[in-house]
PDB file of N, CA and C in Angstrom:
ATOM      1  N   MET A   1      -1.647  -9.894  20.871  1.00  0.00           N
ATOM      2  CA  MET A   1      -2.628 -10.455  19.962  1.00  0.00           C
ATOM      3  C   MET A   1      -1.988 -10.777  18.611  1.00  0.00           C
ATOM      4  N   TRP A   2      -1.133  -9.866  18.127  1.00  0.00           N
ATOM      5  CA  TRP A   2      -0.493 -10.050  16.834  1.00  0.00           C
ATOM      6  C   TRP A   2       0.386 -11.305  16.828  1.00  0.00           C
ATOM      7  N   VAL A   3       1.008 -11.597  17.950  1.00  0.00           N
ATOM      8  CA  VAL A   3       1.902 -12.761  18.052  1.00  0.00           C
ATOM      9  C   VAL A   3       1.108 -14.056  17.946  1.00  0.00           C
ATOM     10  N   LEU A   4      -0.121 -14.056  18.384  1.00  0.00           N
ATOM     11  CA  LEU A   4      -0.924 -15.269  18.375  1.00  0.00           C
ATOM     12  C   LEU A   4      -1.405 -15.664  16.977  1.00  0.00           C
ATOM     13  N   LEU A   5      -1.341 -14.755  16.032  1.00  0.00           N
ATOM     14  CA  LEU A   5      -1.763 -15.073  14.671  1.00  0.00           C
ATOM     15  C   LEU A   5      -0.642 -15.798  13.934  1.00  0.00           C
ATOM     16  N   SER A   6      -1.021 -16.690  13.072  1.00  0.00           N
ATOM     17  CA  SER A   6      -0.009 -17.415  12.294  1.00  0.00           C
ATOM     18  C   SER A   6       0.635 -16.483  11.271  1.00  0.00           C
ATOM     19  N   ALA A   7       1.754 -16.882  10.749  1.00  0.00           N
ATOM     20  CA  ALA A   7       2.466 -16.065   9.762  1.00  0.00           C
ATOM     21  C   ALA A   7       1.620 -15.866   8.508  1.00  0.00           C
ATOM     22  N   ARG A   8       0.917 -16.887   8.107  1.00  0.00           N
ATOM     23  CA  ARG A   8       0.060 -16.787   6.919  1.00  0.00           C
ATOM     24  C   ARG A   8      -1.075 -15.799   7.148  1.00  0.00           C
ATOM     25  N   MET A   9      -1.648 -15.808   8.339  1.00  0.00           N
ATOM     26  CA  MET A   9      -2.741 -14.891   8.657  1.00  0.00           C
ATOM     27  C   MET A   9      -2.232 -13.445   8.724  1.00  0.00           C
ATOM     28  N   ARG A  10      -1.055 -13.238   9.297  1.00  0.00           N
ATOM     29  CA  ARG A  10      -0.477 -11.890   9.348  1.00  0.00           C
ATOM     30  C   ARG A  10      -0.209 -11.368   7.939  1.00  0.00           C
ATOM     31  N   THR A  11       0.321 -12.227   7.076  1.00  0.00           N
ATOM     32  CA  THR A  11       0.579 -11.834   5.693  1.00  0.00           C
ATOM     33  C   THR A  11      -0.718 -11.483   4.988  1.00  0.00           C
ATOM     34  N   TRP A  12      -1.735 -12.279   5.172  1.00  0.00           N
ATOM     35  CA  TRP A  12      -3.019 -12.015   4.544  1.00  0.00           C
ATOM     36  C   TRP A  12      -3.592 -10.684   5.022  1.00  0.00           C
ATOM     37  N   LEU A  13      -3.497 -10.428   6.332  1.00  0.00           N
ATOM     38  CA  LEU A  13      -4.006  -9.164   6.852  1.00  0.00           C
ATOM     39  C   LEU A  13      -3.282  -7.972   6.243  1.00  0.00           C
ATOM     40  N   LEU A  14      -1.972  -8.083   6.108  1.00  0.00           N
ATOM     41  CA  LEU A  14      -1.216  -6.988   5.502  1.00  0.00           C
ATOM     42  C   LEU A  14      -1.594  -6.771   4.046  1.00  0.00           C
ATOM     43  N   VAL A  15      -1.684  -7.850   3.296  1.00  0.00           N
ATOM     44  CA  VAL A  15      -1.969  -7.722   1.871  1.00  0.00           C
ATOM     45  C   VAL A  15      -3.421  -7.337   1.624  1.00  0.00           C
ATOM     46  N   ALA A  16      -4.329  -7.895   2.375  1.00  0.00           N
ATOM     47  CA  ALA A  16      -5.748  -7.669   2.120  1.00  0.00           C
ATOM     48  C   ALA A  16      -6.293  -6.389   2.747  1.00  0.00           C
ATOM     49  N   LEU A  17      -5.715  -5.948   3.850  1.00  0.00           N
ATOM     50  CA  LEU A  17      -6.281  -4.786   4.542  1.00  0.00           C
ATOM     51  C   LEU A  17      -5.344  -3.586   4.610  1.00  0.00           C
ATOM     52  N   ALA A  18      -4.149  -3.796   5.076  1.00  0.00           N
ATOM     53  CA  ALA A  18      -3.260  -2.663   5.337  1.00  0.00           C
ATOM     54  C   ALA A  18      -2.765  -1.996   4.049  1.00  0.00           C
ATOM     55  N   LEU A  19      -2.362  -2.763   3.061  1.00  0.00           N
ATOM     56  CA  LEU A  19      -1.852  -2.162   1.831  1.00  0.00           C
ATOM     57  C   LEU A  19      -2.911  -1.368   1.071  1.00  0.00           C
ATOM     58  N   PRO A  20      -4.124  -1.888   0.885  1.00  0.00           N
ATOM     59  CA  PRO A  20      -5.133  -1.065   0.201  1.00  0.00           C
ATOM     60  C   PRO A  20      -5.488   0.214   0.969  1.00  0.00           C
ATOM     61  N   LEU A  21      -5.531   0.131   2.286  1.00  0.00           N
ATOM     62  CA  LEU A  21      -5.812   1.340   3.067  1.00  0.00           C
ATOM     63  C   LEU A  21      -4.678   2.349   2.957  1.00  0.00           C
ATOM     64  N   ALA A  22      -3.450   1.868   2.957  1.00  0.00           N
ATOM     65  CA  ALA A  22      -2.305   2.770   2.804  1.00  0.00           C
ATOM     66  C   ALA A  22      -2.307   3.401   1.417  1.00  0.00           C
ATOM     67  N   ARG A  23      -2.617   2.624   0.388  1.00  0.00           N
ATOM     68  CA  ARG A  23      -2.683   3.168  -0.967  1.00  0.00           C
ATOM     69  C   ARG A  23      -3.765   4.228  -1.075  1.00  0.00           C
ATOM     70  N   LEU A  24      -4.915   3.986  -0.481  1.00  0.00           N
ATOM     71  CA  LEU A  24      -6.003   4.956  -0.516  1.00  0.00           C
ATOM     72  C   LEU A  24      -5.589   6.259   0.156  1.00  0.00           C
ATOM     73  N   LEU A  25      -4.973   6.156   1.304  1.00  0.00           N
ATOM     74  CA  LEU A  25      -4.522   7.341   2.029  1.00  0.00           C
ATOM     75  C   LEU A  25      -3.466   8.109   1.234  1.00  0.00           C
ATOM     76  N   ILE A  26      -2.513   7.411   0.660  1.00  0.00           N
ATOM     77  CA  ILE A  26      -1.457   8.071  -0.105  1.00  0.00           C
ATOM     78  C   ILE A  26      -2.020   8.724  -1.360  1.00  0.00           C
ATOM     79  N   ARG A  27      -2.955   8.074  -2.031  1.00  0.00           N
ATOM     80  CA  ARG A  27      -3.563   8.683  -3.223  1.00  0.00           C
ATOM     81  C   ARG A  27      -4.310   9.962  -2.876  1.00  0.00           C
ATOM     82  N   ARG A  28      -5.068   9.942  -1.790  1.00  0.00           N
ATOM     83  CA  ARG A  28      -5.794  11.152  -1.387  1.00  0.00           C
ATOM     84  C   ARG A  28      -4.847  12.276  -1.001  1.00  0.00           C
ATOM     85  N   LEU A  29      -3.768  11.922  -0.307  1.00  0.00           N
ATOM     86  CA  LEU A  29      -2.770  12.932   0.034  1.00  0.00           C
ATOM     87  C   LEU A  29      -2.105  13.486  -1.223  1.00  0.00           C
ATOM     88  N   ALA A  30      -1.884  12.649  -2.221  1.00  0.00           N
ATOM     89  CA  ALA A  30      -1.268  13.103  -3.470  1.00  0.00           C
ATOM     90  C   ALA A  30      -2.181  14.073  -4.205  1.00  0.00           C
ATOM     91  N   VAL A  31      -3.478  13.805  -4.189  1.00  0.00           N
ATOM     92  CA  VAL A  31      -4.420  14.710  -4.854  1.00  0.00           C
ATOM     93  C   VAL A  31      -4.426  16.072  -4.165  1.00  0.00           C
ATOM     94  N   VAL A  32      -4.442  16.060  -2.843  1.00  0.00           N
ATOM     95  CA  VAL A  32      -4.421  17.320  -2.095  1.00  0.00           C
ATOM     96  C   VAL A  32      -3.090  18.037  -2.307  1.00  0.00           C
ATOM     97  N   ALA A  33      -1.999  17.303  -2.286  1.00  0.00           N
ATOM     98  CA  ALA A  33      -0.675  17.910  -2.459  1.00  0.00           C
ATOM     99  C   ALA A  33      -0.494  18.436  -3.875  1.00  0.00           C
ATOM    100  N   ASP A  34      -1.160  17.832  -4.836  1.00  0.00           N
ATOM    101  CA  ASP A  34      -1.063  18.275  -6.214  1.00  0.00           C
ATOM    102  C   ASP A  34      -1.564  19.707  -6.373  1.00  0.00           C
ATOM    103  N   ARG A  35      -2.503  20.077  -5.562  1.00  0.00           N
ATOM    104  CA  ARG A  35      -3.039  21.440  -5.610  1.00  0.00           C
ATOM    105  C   ARG A  35      -2.077  22.453  -5.008  1.00  0.00           C
ATOM    106  N   HIS A  36      -1.229  22.002  -4.087  1.00  0.00           N
ATOM    107  CA  HIS A  36      -0.380  22.933  -3.355  1.00  0.00           C
ATOM    108  C   HIS A  36       1.092  22.860  -3.761  1.00  0.00           C
ATOM    109  N   ASP A  37       1.639  21.658  -3.816  1.00  0.00           N
ATOM    110  CA  ASP A  37       3.079  21.511  -4.033  1.00  0.00           C
ATOM    111  C   ASP A  37       3.333  20.323  -4.955  1.00  0.00           C
ATOM    112  N   ALA A  38       3.945  20.598  -6.088  1.00  0.00           N
ATOM    113  CA  ALA A  38       4.174  19.549  -7.081  1.00  0.00           C
ATOM    114  C   ALA A  38       5.218  18.530  -6.607  1.00  0.00           C
ATOM    115  N   ARG A  39       6.211  18.966  -5.849  1.00  0.00           N
ATOM    116  CA  ARG A  39       7.273  18.052  -5.414  1.00  0.00           C
ATOM    117  C   ARG A  39       6.734  16.987  -4.465  1.00  0.00           C
ATOM    118  N   SER A  40       5.960  17.394  -3.475  1.00  0.00           N
ATOM    119  CA  SER A  40       5.425  16.406  -2.529  1.00  0.00           C
ATOM    120  C   SER A  40       4.415  15.484  -3.213  1.00  0.00           C
ATOM    121  N   ALA A  41       3.675  15.995  -4.177  1.00  0.00           N
ATOM    122  CA  ALA A  41       2.741  15.148  -4.920  1.00  0.00           C
ATOM    123  C   ALA A  41       3.496  14.092  -5.711  1.00  0.00           C
ATOM    124  N   ARG A  42       4.633  14.471  -6.286  1.00  0.00           N
ATOM    125  CA  ARG A  42       5.439  13.523  -7.046  1.00  0.00           C
ATOM    126  C   ARG A  42       5.961  12.408  -6.136  1.00  0.00           C
ATOM    127  N   VAL A  43       6.405  12.776  -4.950  1.00  0.00           N
ATOM    128  CA  VAL A  43       6.905  11.777  -3.997  1.00  0.00           C
ATOM    129  C   VAL A  43       5.779  10.844  -3.567  1.00  0.00           C
ATOM    130  N   LEU A  44       4.601  11.401  -3.317  1.00  0.00           N
ATOM    131  CA  LEU A  44       3.470  10.565  -2.914  1.00  0.00           C
ATOM    132  C   LEU A  44       3.033   9.637  -4.041  1.00  0.00           C
ATOM    133  N   ARG A  45       3.091  10.093  -5.258  1.00  0.00           N
ATOM    134  CA  ARG A  45       2.726   9.226  -6.384  1.00  0.00           C
ATOM    135  C   ARG A  45       3.736   8.082  -6.552  1.00  0.00           C
ATOM    136  N   ARG A  46       5.007   8.359  -6.303  1.00  0.00           N
ATOM    137  CA  ARG A  46       6.007   7.292  -6.346  1.00  0.00           C
ATOM    138  C   ARG A  46       5.760   6.272  -5.239  1.00  0.00           C
ATOM    139  N   ALA A  47       5.392   6.753  -4.066  1.00  0.00           N
ATOM    140  CA  ALA A  47       5.085   5.843  -2.957  1.00  0.00           C
ATOM    141  C   ALA A  47       3.870   4.983  -3.294  1.00  0.00           C
ATOM    142  N   ASP A  48       2.885   5.580  -3.949  1.00  0.00           N
ATOM    143  CA  ASP A  48       1.700   4.827  -4.358  1.00  0.00           C
ATOM    144  C   ASP A  48       2.060   3.748  -5.363  1.00  0.00           C
ATOM    145  N   SER A  49       2.916   4.078  -6.318  1.00  0.00           N
ATOM    146  CA  SER A  49       3.301   3.067  -7.298  1.00  0.00           C
ATOM    147  C   SER A  49       4.124   1.949  -6.657  1.00  0.00           C
ATOM    148  N   ALA A  50       4.923   2.292  -5.656  1.00  0.00           N
ATOM    149  CA  ALA A  50       5.688   1.258  -4.951  1.00  0.00           C
ATOM    150  C   ALA A  50       4.750   0.319  -4.193  1.00  0.00           C
ATOM    151  N   LEU A  51       3.747   0.875  -3.532  1.00  0.00           N
ATOM    152  CA  LEU A  51       2.780   0.036  -2.821  1.00  0.00           C
ATOM    153  C   LEU A  51       1.970  -0.811  -3.788  1.00  0.00           C
ATOM    154  N   THR A  52       1.652  -0.265  -4.934  1.00  0.00           N
ATOM    155  CA  THR A  52       0.929  -1.032  -5.946  1.00  0.00           C
ATOM    156  C   THR A  52       1.766  -2.220  -6.413  1.00  0.00           C
ATOM    157  N   ALA A  53       3.047  -1.992  -6.626  1.00  0.00           N
ATOM    158  CA  ALA A  53       3.935  -3.078  -7.053  1.00  0.00           C
ATOM    159  C   ALA A  53       4.032  -4.157  -5.985  1.00  0.00           C
ATOM    160  N   VAL A  54       4.108  -3.762  -4.728  1.00  0.00           N
ATOM    161  CA  VAL A  54       4.184  -4.735  -3.638  1.00  0.00           C
ATOM    162  C   VAL A  54       2.901  -5.544  -3.548  1.00  0.00           C
ATOM    163  N   SER A  55       1.761  -4.879  -3.679  1.00  0.00           N
ATOM    164  CA  SER A  55       0.498  -5.611  -3.561  1.00  0.00           C
ATOM    165  C   SER A  55       0.299  -6.555  -4.738  1.00  0.00           C
ATOM    166  N   ARG A  56       0.739  -6.181  -5.925  1.00  0.00           N
ATOM    167  CA  ARG A  56       0.627  -7.079  -7.079  1.00  0.00           C
ATOM    168  C   ARG A  56       1.582  -8.251  -6.969  1.00  0.00           C
ATOM    169  N   ARG A  57       2.770  -7.992  -6.465  1.00  0.00           N
ATOM    170  CA  ARG A  57       3.760  -9.066  -6.309  1.00  0.00           C
ATOM    171  C   ARG A  57       3.271 -10.092  -5.296  1.00  0.00           C
ATOM    172  N   GLY A  58       2.619  -9.654  -4.228  1.00  0.00           N
ATOM    173  CA  GLY A  58       2.093 -10.583  -3.242  1.00  0.00           C
ATOM    174  C   GLY A  58       1.016 -11.477  -3.803  1.00  0.00           C
ATOM    175  N   GLY A  59       0.218 -10.949  -4.731  1.00  0.00           N
ATOM    176  CA  GLY A  59      -0.819 -11.746  -5.369  1.00  0.00           C
ATOM    177  C   GLY A  59      -0.259 -12.818  -6.268  1.00  0.00           C
ATOM    178  N   ARG A  60       0.856 -12.534  -6.916  1.00  0.00           N
ATOM    179  CA  ARG A  60       1.477 -13.524  -7.800  1.00  0.00           C
ATOM    180  C   ARG A  60       2.057 -14.684  -7.023  1.00  0.00           C
ATOM    181  N   ARG A  61       2.577 -14.404  -5.835  1.00  0.00           N
ATOM    182  CA  ARG A  61       3.158 -15.484  -5.036  1.00  0.00           C
ATOM    183  C   ARG A  61       2.101 -16.487  -4.622  1.00  0.00           C
ATOM    184  N   GLY A  62       0.908 -15.994  -4.346  1.00  0.00           N
ATOM    185  CA  GLY A  62      -0.155 -16.892  -3.914  1.00  0.00           C
ATOM    186  C   GLY A  62      -0.654 -17.807  -5.018  1.00  0.00           C
ATOM    187  N   LYS A  63      -0.445 -17.428  -6.283  1.00  0.00           N
ATOM    188  CA  LYS A  63      -0.949 -18.222  -7.401  1.00  0.00           C
ATOM    189  C   LYS A  63      -0.015 -19.357  -7.804  1.00  0.00           C
ATOM    190  N   ARG A  64       1.201 -19.347  -7.273  1.00  0.00           N
ATOM    191  CA  ARG A  64       2.154 -20.407  -7.650  1.00  0.00           C
ATOM    192  C   ARG A  64       1.774 -21.729  -7.114  1.00  0.00           C
TER     193      ARG A  64
END
């Protein structure tokens, strides 16, 4: 099924659906980890910021 979608549609699905869901999951895990272990929370927060940067960069490309 994934192969039948165009490249533009696959990109849109990743940017519009998968990245926000991944960010939400990572943020919730960071909050839970913050209560237990500071090191894992720090790693999760870095991952969240990386995903945020990727999602913002994808939005800029579409505006060109």
